[in-house]
């Protein structure tokens, strides 16, 4: 006998259920029917689910056609209505991390193949175990970003993961838009388990970490010098004993 489908089993009464229904003809009260009618259409009835993409495409077509300064200002004002979705920050970090890894392939020709394979599930690969994002402010179009990655710790023999500190900079605002912490695991797809960092990765990571520490020391010294210069400027202007504030045109009668 061909088995009944779920729907058929629900709709096709059995013999016992038919007899039972005949013996107990108890009227079941019908629940009251609630009818709602309105002349107002839903607020989003006429909105396309792709309205934001359509708006960008329409404005892009206008720009490609050619618009004047006033129209350019209006186009920019429209596009600034929406800020960058928070999910995009993690995508920025992911894309930059891939480029960060591929740069090692260009700098280490002897292990170029191994570096490139880290981005594919062939042998030894890198897997993002977790990412923590600290959002500073919502970016808006138009803007350009710079994403920087830094090794948090000096890698050691036998370790199977490493931590990357990520800084997403807004060039329009000239400050950090977000900071991320990425925990990256080294995974062996052939044995389906975690794997220690290969020697070629440890050697390069150690070199990069040393360069980071040198850059940190050098730039910290530059900042301290800059702060000293600012302090000297303060002491020679408003922070001297005989200083009198100059209000400029606001102080004139």
Protein backbone atom coordinates (compact mmCIF):
# COMPACT_ATOMS: atom_id res chain seq x y z
CA UNK A 1 0.00 0.00 0.00
CA UNK A 2 1.33 3.41 -0.92
CA UNK A 3 1.94 5.49 2.20
CA UNK A 4 -0.15 8.57 2.58
CA UNK A 5 1.41 11.96 2.54
CA UNK A 6 1.07 14.18 5.58
CA UNK A 7 -1.58 16.28 3.95
CA UNK A 8 -3.51 13.27 2.70
CA UNK A 9 -3.39 11.64 6.13
CA UNK A 10 -4.90 14.73 7.64
CA UNK A 11 -7.66 15.08 5.08
CA UNK A 12 -8.65 11.48 4.48
CA UNK A 13 -10.74 10.14 7.45
CA UNK A 14 -10.30 6.57 8.57
CA UNK A 15 -13.19 4.15 9.13
CA UNK A 16 -12.98 4.35 12.90
CA UNK A 17 -12.97 8.12 12.89
CA UNK A 18 -16.03 8.14 10.61
CA UNK A 19 -17.97 5.80 12.91
CA UNK A 20 -16.96 7.82 15.93
CA UNK A 21 -18.16 10.97 14.28
CA UNK A 22 -21.52 9.36 13.47
CA UNK A 23 -22.06 8.16 17.04
CA UNK A 24 -21.25 11.48 18.63
CA UNK A 25 -22.94 14.17 16.64
CA UNK A 26 -22.23 16.98 19.06
CA UNK A 27 -22.65 20.37 17.52
CA UNK A 28 -19.49 22.39 17.84
CA UNK A 29 -20.09 26.11 18.12
CA UNK A 30 -18.36 28.07 15.43
CA UNK A 31 -15.95 30.69 16.71
CA UNK A 32 -16.98 34.24 15.99
CA UNK A 33 -15.50 35.57 12.79
CA UNK A 34 -13.53 38.75 13.09
CA UNK A 35 -13.47 40.88 9.99
CA UNK A 36 -11.26 43.90 9.65
CA UNK A 37 -11.45 46.35 6.84
CA UNK A 38 -9.54 49.50 6.25
CA UNK A 39 -9.09 51.87 3.42
CA UNK A 40 -5.49 52.64 4.43
CA UNK A 41 -2.85 50.60 2.61
CA UNK A 42 0.12 49.24 4.63
CA UNK A 43 2.93 51.73 4.95
CA UNK A 44 5.37 49.51 3.07
CA UNK A 45 2.96 48.08 0.50
CA UNK A 46 4.35 50.06 -2.40
CA UNK A 47 8.01 49.93 -1.33
CA UNK A 48 10.33 47.64 -3.21
CA UNK A 49 12.50 45.44 -0.95
CA UNK A 50 15.44 46.63 -3.04
CA UNK A 51 14.65 50.33 -2.70
CA UNK A 52 18.04 51.25 -1.24
CA UNK A 53 19.95 49.48 -4.03
CA UNK A 54 17.62 51.04 -6.58
CA UNK A 55 18.24 54.52 -5.18
CA UNK A 56 21.99 54.08 -5.44
CA UNK A 57 21.69 52.74 -8.99
CA UNK A 58 19.45 55.62 -10.02
CA UNK A 59 21.78 58.23 -8.57
CA UNK A 60 24.76 56.50 -10.16
CA UNK A 61 23.06 56.70 -13.55
CA UNK A 62 22.43 60.43 -13.05
CA UNK A 63 26.09 60.97 -12.16
CA UNK A 64 27.28 59.00 -15.18
CA UNK A 65 24.96 61.05 -17.42
CA UNK A 66 26.39 64.29 -16.08
CA UNK A 67 25.02 66.64 -13.41
CA UNK A 68 25.87 70.15 -12.27
CA UNK A 69 27.19 71.25 -8.87
CA UNK A 70 23.75 71.75 -7.32
CA UNK A 71 22.61 68.32 -8.53
CA UNK A 72 25.82 66.74 -7.22
CA UNK A 73 25.18 68.28 -3.81
CA UNK A 74 21.62 66.93 -3.82
CA UNK A 75 22.81 63.45 -4.83
CA UNK A 76 25.34 63.44 -1.98
CA UNK A 77 22.70 64.62 0.47
CA UNK A 78 20.38 61.76 -0.54
CA UNK A 79 23.09 59.13 -0.21
CA UNK A 80 24.10 60.43 3.22
CA UNK A 81 20.67 59.56 4.57
CA UNK A 82 21.78 56.01 5.29
CA UNK A 83 24.78 55.00 7.37
CA UNK A 84 26.94 51.93 6.84
CA UNK A 85 25.38 48.77 8.27
CA UNK A 86 27.31 47.38 11.23
CA UNK A 87 27.74 44.05 9.45
CA UNK A 88 29.87 45.82 6.85
CA UNK A 89 32.55 46.66 9.42
CA UNK A 90 33.25 42.95 9.89
CA UNK A 91 33.36 42.50 6.13
CA UNK A 92 35.88 45.31 5.85
CA UNK A 93 38.02 43.55 8.46
CA UNK A 94 37.69 40.20 6.66
CA UNK A 95 38.65 41.62 3.26
CA UNK A 96 41.63 43.42 4.75
CA UNK A 97 42.72 40.25 6.58
CA UNK A 98 42.76 38.35 3.29
CA UNK A 99 44.89 41.10 1.71
CA UNK A 100 47.12 41.09 4.78
CA UNK A 101 47.74 37.36 4.32
CA UNK A 102 48.25 37.64 0.56
CA UNK A 103 50.92 40.28 1.13
CA UNK A 104 53.03 37.62 2.82
CA UNK A 105 52.82 35.56 -0.37
CA UNK A 106 54.29 38.47 -2.32
CA UNK A 107 57.02 39.08 0.27
CA UNK A 108 57.95 35.41 0.69
CA UNK A 109 58.34 33.90 -2.81
CA UNK A 110 59.87 30.70 -1.40
CA UNK A 111 56.56 29.89 0.35
CA UNK A 112 54.17 31.69 -1.96
CA UNK A 113 52.16 28.53 -2.64
CA UNK A 114 51.75 27.80 1.06
CA UNK A 115 50.60 31.35 1.80
CA UNK A 116 48.03 31.23 -1.00
CA UNK A 117 46.72 27.85 0.17
CA UNK A 118 45.93 29.37 3.56
CA UNK A 119 42.96 31.01 1.84
CA UNK A 120 41.58 27.71 0.50
CA UNK A 121 40.41 24.44 2.12
CA UNK A 122 43.18 22.35 0.53
CA UNK A 123 45.65 21.64 3.30
CA UNK A 124 46.56 24.09 6.07
CA UNK A 125 44.09 26.98 6.23
CA UNK A 126 43.00 29.85 8.44
CA UNK A 127 39.57 29.96 10.09
CA UNK A 128 38.06 32.91 11.94
CA UNK A 129 37.08 31.50 15.32
CA UNK A 130 35.63 34.72 16.70
CA UNK A 131 35.52 38.45 16.08
CA UNK A 132 34.67 41.21 18.54
CA UNK A 133 33.83 44.63 17.14
CA UNK A 134 33.75 47.89 19.07
CA UNK A 135 31.82 50.45 17.02
CA UNK A 136 32.92 54.05 17.50
CA UNK A 137 30.49 55.95 15.27
CA UNK A 138 28.28 55.28 12.21
CA UNK A 139 30.03 56.07 8.94
CA UNK A 140 28.11 57.58 6.07
CA UNK A 141 28.66 57.76 2.34
CA UNK A 142 30.78 59.27 0.88
CA UNK A 143 33.81 58.11 2.84
CA UNK A 144 36.98 56.12 2.38
CA UNK A 145 38.40 53.72 4.92
CA UNK A 146 41.79 52.33 5.84
CA UNK A 147 41.92 48.97 7.63
CA UNK A 148 45.04 48.06 9.61
CA UNK A 149 45.94 44.67 11.10
CA UNK A 150 48.46 44.07 13.86
CA UNK A 151 49.69 40.93 15.57
CA UNK A 152 48.87 41.12 19.26
CA UNK A 153 51.48 38.65 20.47
CA UNK A 154 54.76 37.25 19.27
CA UNK A 155 54.06 33.75 17.89
CA UNK A 156 55.66 30.75 19.56
CA UNK A 157 56.33 27.20 18.45
CA UNK A 158 53.35 24.88 18.92
CA UNK A 159 50.63 27.54 19.02
CA UNK A 160 47.57 26.81 16.90
CA UNK A 161 46.03 30.29 16.77
CA UNK A 162 46.90 33.98 16.78
CA UNK A 163 45.14 37.24 17.64
CA UNK A 164 44.88 40.21 15.30
CA UNK A 165 43.99 43.72 16.40
CA UNK A 166 42.09 45.58 13.68
CA UNK A 167 41.64 49.32 13.27
CA UNK A 168 39.09 50.69 10.77
CA UNK A 169 39.83 54.35 10.06
CA UNK A 170 37.44 56.83 8.47
CA UNK A 171 39.37 59.19 6.21
CA UNK A 172 36.49 61.68 6.14
CA UNK A 173 36.43 61.97 9.94
CA UNK A 174 40.13 61.20 10.41
CA UNK A 175 39.49 58.92 13.36
CA UNK A 176 38.71 55.31 14.18
CA UNK A 177 35.25 54.14 13.11
CA UNK A 178 35.64 50.71 14.72
CA UNK A 179 38.12 48.40 16.42
CA UNK A 180 38.02 44.62 16.07
CA UNK A 181 39.72 41.67 17.71
CA UNK A 182 40.03 38.60 15.49
CA UNK A 183 40.89 35.15 16.82
CA UNK A 184 42.32 33.10 13.95
CA UNK A 185 42.75 29.32 14.14
CA UNK A 186 45.13 27.29 12.00
CA UNK A 187 43.20 24.28 10.67
CA UNK A 188 44.38 21.19 8.82
CA UNK A 189 41.63 20.24 6.36
CA UNK A 190 43.31 16.93 5.59
CA UNK A 191 43.12 15.63 9.15
CA UNK A 192 40.08 17.75 10.09
CA UNK A 193 41.60 19.25 13.22
CA UNK A 194 43.54 22.23 14.46
CA UNK A 195 47.20 22.45 13.54
CA UNK A 196 50.21 24.35 14.91
CA UNK A 197 51.46 27.30 12.90
CA UNK A 198 53.81 26.08 10.15
CA UNK A 199 57.47 27.17 10.51
CA UNK A 200 57.28 29.54 7.54
CA UNK A 201 54.39 31.41 9.21
CA UNK A 202 56.16 31.65 12.56
CA UNK A 203 59.32 33.04 10.95
CA UNK A 204 57.43 35.75 9.07
CA UNK A 205 55.16 36.59 11.99
CA UNK A 206 58.15 37.02 14.28
CA UNK A 207 59.72 39.42 11.79
CA UNK A 208 56.50 41.39 11.47
CA UNK A 209 56.06 41.53 15.24
CA UNK A 210 59.57 42.95 15.68
CA UNK A 211 58.85 45.57 13.01
CA UNK A 212 55.64 46.47 14.83
CA UNK A 213 57.52 46.99 18.09
CA UNK A 214 60.12 49.16 16.37
CA UNK A 215 57.41 51.25 14.71
CA UNK A 216 55.59 51.58 18.04
CA UNK A 217 58.71 52.87 19.77
CA UNK A 218 59.54 55.27 16.94
CA UNK A 219 56.02 56.70 16.65
CA UNK A 220 55.62 56.96 20.42
CA UNK A 221 58.73 59.11 20.49
CA UNK A 222 57.31 61.29 17.72
CA UNK A 223 54.07 61.76 19.67
CA UNK A 224 55.95 62.70 22.83
CA UNK A 225 57.95 65.27 20.85
CA UNK A 226 54.74 66.65 19.37
CA UNK A 227 53.15 66.95 22.81
CA UNK A 228 56.21 68.78 24.11
CA UNK A 229 56.00 71.26 21.22
CA UNK A 230 52.32 71.86 21.90
CA UNK A 231 53.07 72.44 25.57
CA UNK A 232 55.77 74.97 24.69
CA UNK A 233 53.28 76.75 22.43
CA UNK A 234 50.76 76.91 25.28
CA UNK A 235 53.37 78.25 27.71
CA UNK A 236 54.35 80.96 25.25
CA UNK A 237 50.75 82.05 24.53
CA UNK A 238 47.80 81.68 26.92
CA UNK A 239 49.59 79.84 29.73
CA UNK A 240 52.17 82.50 30.63
CA UNK A 241 51.91 84.67 33.77
CA UNK A 242 51.19 87.91 31.92
CA UNK A 243 48.86 86.41 29.30
CA UNK A 244 45.83 88.47 28.27
CA UNK A 245 43.20 86.85 26.10
CA UNK A 246 42.76 88.42 22.67
CA UNK A 247 39.10 88.33 21.65
CA UNK A 248 39.80 89.65 18.15
CA UNK A 249 36.84 91.32 16.45
CA UNK A 250 34.46 90.09 19.17
CA UNK A 251 36.23 92.30 21.70
CA UNK A 252 35.85 95.50 19.67
CA UNK A 253 32.98 97.87 20.57
